[in-house]
Amino acid sequence: IIPLGLGVTETEWADGIYADAEVVKIGRKEVEVTLPFQIWWPRAVVWAQGLELM
């Protein structure tokens, strides 16, 4: 079971597609971070389930 409202389900992604890169601002600099789906998604699901249980 994947909780809703945490950006982990396909229905919450823009156009139903997972963005594999995100720009993060560190100080004045912007850094692009690559997050491959096969690595990110299983961890995000566990994180979301943990938050839901708390």
PDB file of N, CA and C in Angstrom:
ATOM      1  N   ILE A   1       0.860  -1.181   0.000  1.00  0.00           N
ATOM      2  CA  ILE A   1       0.000   0.000   0.000  1.00  0.00           C
ATOM      3  C   ILE A   1       0.898   1.234   0.000  1.00  0.00           C
ATOM      4  N   ILE A   2       0.644   2.120  -0.944  1.00  0.00           N
ATOM      5  CA  ILE A   2       1.435   3.344  -1.066  1.00  0.00           C
ATOM      6  C   ILE A   2       0.564   4.532  -0.659  1.00  0.00           C
ATOM      7  N   PRO A   3       0.944   5.265   0.388  1.00  0.00           N
ATOM      8  CA  PRO A   3       0.151   6.408   0.837  1.00  0.00           C
ATOM      9  C   PRO A   3       0.085   7.525  -0.210  1.00  0.00           C
ATOM     10  N   LEU A   4      -1.052   8.201  -0.264  1.00  0.00           N
ATOM     11  CA  LEU A   4      -1.235   9.335  -1.165  1.00  0.00           C
ATOM     12  C   LEU A   4      -0.799  10.628  -0.481  1.00  0.00           C
ATOM     13  N   GLY A   5      -0.483  11.632  -1.270  1.00  0.00           N
ATOM     14  CA  GLY A   5      -0.168  12.955  -0.747  1.00  0.00           C
ATOM     15  C   GLY A   5       1.302  13.189  -0.456  1.00  0.00           C
ATOM     16  N   LEU A   6       2.147  12.221  -0.764  1.00  0.00           N
ATOM     17  CA  LEU A   6       3.575  12.368  -0.490  1.00  0.00           C
ATOM     18  C   LEU A   6       4.410  12.372  -1.768  1.00  0.00           C
ATOM     19  N   GLY A   7       3.754  12.417  -2.911  1.00  0.00           N
ATOM     20  CA  GLY A   7       4.457  12.491  -4.188  1.00  0.00           C
ATOM     21  C   GLY A   7       5.096  11.200  -4.650  1.00  0.00           C
ATOM     22  N   VAL A   8       4.658  10.081  -4.100  1.00  0.00           N
ATOM     23  CA  VAL A   8       5.281   8.796  -4.420  1.00  0.00           C
ATOM     24  C   VAL A   8       4.497   8.016  -5.477  1.00  0.00           C
ATOM     25  N   THR A   9       3.200   8.265  -5.590  1.00  0.00           N
ATOM     26  CA  THR A   9       2.390   7.515  -6.551  1.00  0.00           C
ATOM     27  C   THR A   9       2.410   8.170  -7.927  1.00  0.00           C
ATOM     28  N   GLU A  10       2.206   7.364  -8.957  1.00  0.00           N
ATOM     29  CA  GLU A  10       2.226   7.860 -10.339  1.00  0.00           C
ATOM     30  C   GLU A  10       1.181   8.939 -10.576  1.00  0.00           C
ATOM     31  N   THR A  11       0.059   8.858  -9.894  1.00  0.00           N
ATOM     32  CA  THR A  11      -1.000   9.853 -10.087  1.00  0.00           C
ATOM     33  C   THR A  11      -0.592  11.232  -9.583  1.00  0.00           C
ATOM     34  N   GLU A  12       0.419  11.310  -8.742  1.00  0.00           N
ATOM     35  CA  GLU A  12       0.877  12.592  -8.190  1.00  0.00           C
ATOM     36  C   GLU A  12       2.014  13.224  -9.001  1.00  0.00           C
ATOM     37  N   TRP A  13       2.543  12.522  -9.979  1.00  0.00           N
ATOM     38  CA  TRP A  13       3.637  13.046 -10.797  1.00  0.00           C
ATOM     39  C   TRP A  13       3.077  13.854 -11.953  1.00  0.00           C
ATOM     40  N   ALA A  14       3.794  14.881 -12.376  1.00  0.00           N
ATOM     41  CA  ALA A  14       3.379  15.692 -13.521  1.00  0.00           C
ATOM     42  C   ALA A  14       3.275  14.796 -14.752  1.00  0.00           C
ATOM     43  N   ASP A  15       2.135  14.775 -15.373  1.00  0.00           N
ATOM     44  CA  ASP A  15       1.863  13.951 -16.561  1.00  0.00           C
ATOM     45  C   ASP A  15       2.024  12.455 -16.288  1.00  0.00           C
ATOM     46  N   GLY A  16       2.026  12.041 -15.019  1.00  0.00           N
ATOM     47  CA  GLY A  16       2.168  10.630 -14.683  1.00  0.00           C
ATOM     48  C   GLY A  16       3.543  10.064 -14.958  1.00  0.00           C
ATOM     49  N   ILE A  17       4.523  10.956 -15.137  1.00  0.00           N
ATOM     50  CA  ILE A  17       5.889  10.536 -15.465  1.00  0.00           C
ATOM     51  C   ILE A  17       6.837  10.990 -14.359  1.00  0.00           C
ATOM     52  N   TYR A  18       7.670  10.080 -13.904  1.00  0.00           N
ATOM     53  CA  TYR A  18       8.663  10.393 -12.884  1.00  0.00           C
ATOM     54  C   TYR A  18       9.799  11.206 -13.484  1.00  0.00           C
ATOM     55  N   ALA A  19      10.081  12.354 -12.883  1.00  0.00           N
ATOM     56  CA  ALA A  19      11.203  13.182 -13.330  1.00  0.00           C
ATOM     57  C   ALA A  19      12.484  12.609 -12.727  1.00  0.00           C
ATOM     58  N   ASP A  20      13.425  12.199 -13.564  1.00  0.00           N
ATOM     59  CA  ASP A  20      14.633  11.546 -13.049  1.00  0.00           C
ATOM     60  C   ASP A  20      15.739  12.518 -12.669  1.00  0.00           C
ATOM     61  N   ALA A  21      15.459  13.821 -12.732  1.00  0.00           N
ATOM     62  CA  ALA A  21      16.433  14.825 -12.292  1.00  0.00           C
ATOM     63  C   ALA A  21      15.688  15.957 -11.596  1.00  0.00           C
ATOM     64  N   GLU A  22      16.320  16.526 -10.596  1.00  0.00           N
ATOM     65  CA  GLU A  22      15.732  17.619  -9.826  1.00  0.00           C
ATOM     66  C   GLU A  22      16.817  18.646  -9.560  1.00  0.00           C
ATOM     67  N   VAL A  23      16.469  19.914  -9.634  1.00  0.00           N
ATOM     68  CA  VAL A  23      17.428  20.977  -9.350  1.00  0.00           C
ATOM     69  C   VAL A  23      17.277  21.371  -7.886  1.00  0.00           C
ATOM     70  N   VAL A  24      18.383  21.334  -7.141  1.00  0.00           N
ATOM     71  CA  VAL A  24      18.408  21.670  -5.729  1.00  0.00           C
ATOM     72  C   VAL A  24      19.282  22.899  -5.556  1.00  0.00           C
ATOM     73  N   LYS A  25      18.778  23.893  -4.829  1.00  0.00           N
ATOM     74  CA  LYS A  25      19.554  25.105  -4.593  1.00  0.00           C
ATOM     75  C   LYS A  25      20.373  24.928  -3.320  1.00  0.00           C
ATOM     76  N   ILE A  26      21.682  25.108  -3.456  1.00  0.00           N
ATOM     77  CA  ILE A  26      22.607  25.012  -2.330  1.00  0.00           C
ATOM     78  C   ILE A  26      23.300  26.363  -2.223  1.00  0.00           C
ATOM     79  N   GLY A  27      22.894  27.154  -1.235  1.00  0.00           N
ATOM     80  CA  GLY A  27      23.403  28.522  -1.152  1.00  0.00           C
ATOM     81  C   GLY A  27      22.910  29.303  -2.355  1.00  0.00           C
ATOM     82  N   ARG A  28      23.827  29.853  -3.133  1.00  0.00           N
ATOM     83  CA  ARG A  28      23.472  30.584  -4.351  1.00  0.00           C
ATOM     84  C   ARG A  28      23.587  29.722  -5.600  1.00  0.00           C
ATOM     85  N   LYS A  29      24.070  28.540  -5.422  1.00  0.00           N
ATOM     86  CA  LYS A  29      24.324  27.648  -6.553  1.00  0.00           C
ATOM     87  C   LYS A  29      23.175  26.648  -6.718  1.00  0.00           C
ATOM     88  N   GLU A  30      22.840  26.339  -7.963  1.00  0.00           N
ATOM     89  CA  GLU A  30      21.844  25.315  -8.249  1.00  0.00           C
ATOM     90  C   GLU A  30      22.549  24.076  -8.792  1.00  0.00           C
ATOM     91  N   VAL A  31      22.236  22.941  -8.202  1.00  0.00           N
ATOM     92  CA  VAL A  31      22.866  21.682  -8.579  1.00  0.00           C
ATOM     93  C   VAL A  31      21.784  20.722  -9.065  1.00  0.00           C
ATOM     94  N   GLU A  32      22.008  20.097 -10.216  1.00  0.00           N
ATOM     95  CA  GLU A  32      21.061  19.103 -10.718  1.00  0.00           C
ATOM     96  C   GLU A  32      21.428  17.741 -10.150  1.00  0.00           C
ATOM     97  N   VAL A  33      20.459  17.115  -9.501  1.00  0.00           N
ATOM     98  CA  VAL A  33      20.656  15.808  -8.889  1.00  0.00           C
ATOM     99  C   VAL A  33      19.864  14.779  -9.694  1.00  0.00           C
ATOM    100  N   THR A  34      20.537  13.731 -10.123  1.00  0.00           N
ATOM    101  CA  THR A  34      19.884  12.663 -10.874  1.00  0.00           C
ATOM    102  C   THR A  34      19.399  11.599  -9.900  1.00  0.00           C
ATOM    103  N   LEU A  35      18.129  11.224 -10.043  1.00  0.00           N
ATOM    104  CA  LEU A  35      17.523  10.228  -9.174  1.00  0.00           C
ATOM    105  C   LEU A  35      16.910   9.119 -10.028  1.00  0.00           C
ATOM    106  N   PRO A  36      17.684   8.095 -10.380  1.00  0.00           N
ATOM    107  CA  PRO A  36      17.149   7.012 -11.205  1.00  0.00           C
ATOM    108  C   PRO A  36      15.957   6.325 -10.521  1.00  0.00           C
ATOM    109  N   PHE A  37      14.909   6.104 -11.286  1.00  0.00           N
ATOM    110  CA  PHE A  37      13.671   5.533 -10.754  1.00  0.00           C
ATOM    111  C   PHE A  37      13.904   4.232  -9.999  1.00  0.00           C
ATOM    112  N   GLN A  38      14.672   3.322 -10.570  1.00  0.00           N
ATOM    113  CA  GLN A  38      14.865   2.006  -9.951  1.00  0.00           C
ATOM    114  C   GLN A  38      15.579   2.087  -8.608  1.00  0.00           C
ATOM    115  N   ILE A  39      16.272   3.174  -8.333  1.00  0.00           N
ATOM    116  CA  ILE A  39      16.928   3.369  -7.039  1.00  0.00           C
ATOM    117  C   ILE A  39      16.025   4.169  -6.106  1.00  0.00           C
ATOM    118  N   TRP A  40      15.465   5.253  -6.612  1.00  0.00           N
ATOM    119  CA  TRP A  40      14.698   6.173  -5.788  1.00  0.00           C
ATOM    120  C   TRP A  40      13.366   5.615  -5.324  1.00  0.00           C
ATOM    121  N   TRP A  41      12.583   5.072  -6.238  1.00  0.00           N
ATOM    122  CA  TRP A  41      11.196   4.741  -5.932  1.00  0.00           C
ATOM    123  C   TRP A  41      11.024   3.720  -4.802  1.00  0.00           C
ATOM    124  N   PRO A  42      11.725   2.591  -4.776  1.00  0.00           N
ATOM    125  CA  PRO A  42      11.536   1.647  -3.662  1.00  0.00           C
ATOM    126  C   PRO A  42      11.841   2.283  -2.302  1.00  0.00           C
ATOM    127  N   ARG A  43      12.851   3.131  -2.246  1.00  0.00           N
ATOM    128  CA  ARG A  43      13.193   3.802  -0.991  1.00  0.00           C
ATOM    129  C   ARG A  43      12.119   4.817  -0.602  1.00  0.00           C
ATOM    130  N   ALA A  44      11.593   5.522  -1.590  1.00  0.00           N
ATOM    131  CA  ALA A  44      10.550   6.512  -1.334  1.00  0.00           C
ATOM    132  C   ALA A  44       9.273   5.843  -0.825  1.00  0.00           C
ATOM    133  N   VAL A  45       8.946   4.683  -1.348  1.00  0.00           N
ATOM    134  CA  VAL A  45       7.759   3.955  -0.893  1.00  0.00           C
ATOM    135  C   VAL A  45       7.917   3.569   0.574  1.00  0.00           C
ATOM    136  N   VAL A  46       9.061   3.044   0.948  1.00  0.00           N
ATOM    137  CA  VAL A  46       9.312   2.668   2.346  1.00  0.00           C
ATOM    138  C   VAL A  46       9.241   3.901   3.241  1.00  0.00           C
ATOM    139  N   TRP A  47       9.820   5.014   2.798  1.00  0.00           N
ATOM    140  CA  TRP A  47       9.780   6.273   3.550  1.00  0.00           C
ATOM    141  C   TRP A  47       8.334   6.729   3.756  1.00  0.00           C
ATOM    142  N   ALA A  48       7.527   6.713   2.690  1.00  0.00           N
ATOM    143  CA  ALA A  48       6.134   7.153   2.766  1.00  0.00           C
ATOM    144  C   ALA A  48       5.330   6.245   3.698  1.00  0.00           C
ATOM    145  N   GLN A  49       5.570   4.951   3.632  1.00  0.00           N
ATOM    146  CA  GLN A  49       4.867   4.019   4.511  1.00  0.00           C
ATOM    147  C   GLN A  49       5.252   4.262   5.971  1.00  0.00           C
ATOM    148  N   GLY A  50       6.523   4.558   6.216  1.00  0.00           N
ATOM    149  CA  GLY A  50       6.972   4.865   7.572  1.00  0.00           C
ATOM    150  C   GLY A  50       6.313   6.118   8.116  1.00  0.00           C
ATOM    151  N   LEU A  51       6.219   7.153   7.287  1.00  0.00           N
ATOM    152  CA  LEU A  51       5.545   8.382   7.711  1.00  0.00           C
ATOM    153  C   LEU A  51       4.083   8.122   8.030  1.00  0.00           C
ATOM    154  N   GLU A  52       3.445   7.304   7.222  1.00  0.00           N
ATOM    155  CA  GLU A  52       2.027   6.994   7.419  1.00  0.00           C
ATOM    156  C   GLU A  52       1.810   6.260   8.744  1.00  0.00           C
ATOM    157  N   LEU A  53       2.763   5.436   9.139  1.00  0.00           N
ATOM    158  CA  LEU A  53       2.632   4.678  10.386  1.00  0.00           C
ATOM    159  C   LEU A  53       2.859   5.529  11.634  1.00  0.00           C
ATOM    160  N   MET A  54       3.602   6.615  11.478  1.00  0.00           N
ATOM    161  CA  MET A  54       3.936   7.443  12.648  1.00  0.00           C
ATOM    162  C   MET A  54       2.757   8.130  13.232  1.00  0.00           C
TER     163      MET A  54
END
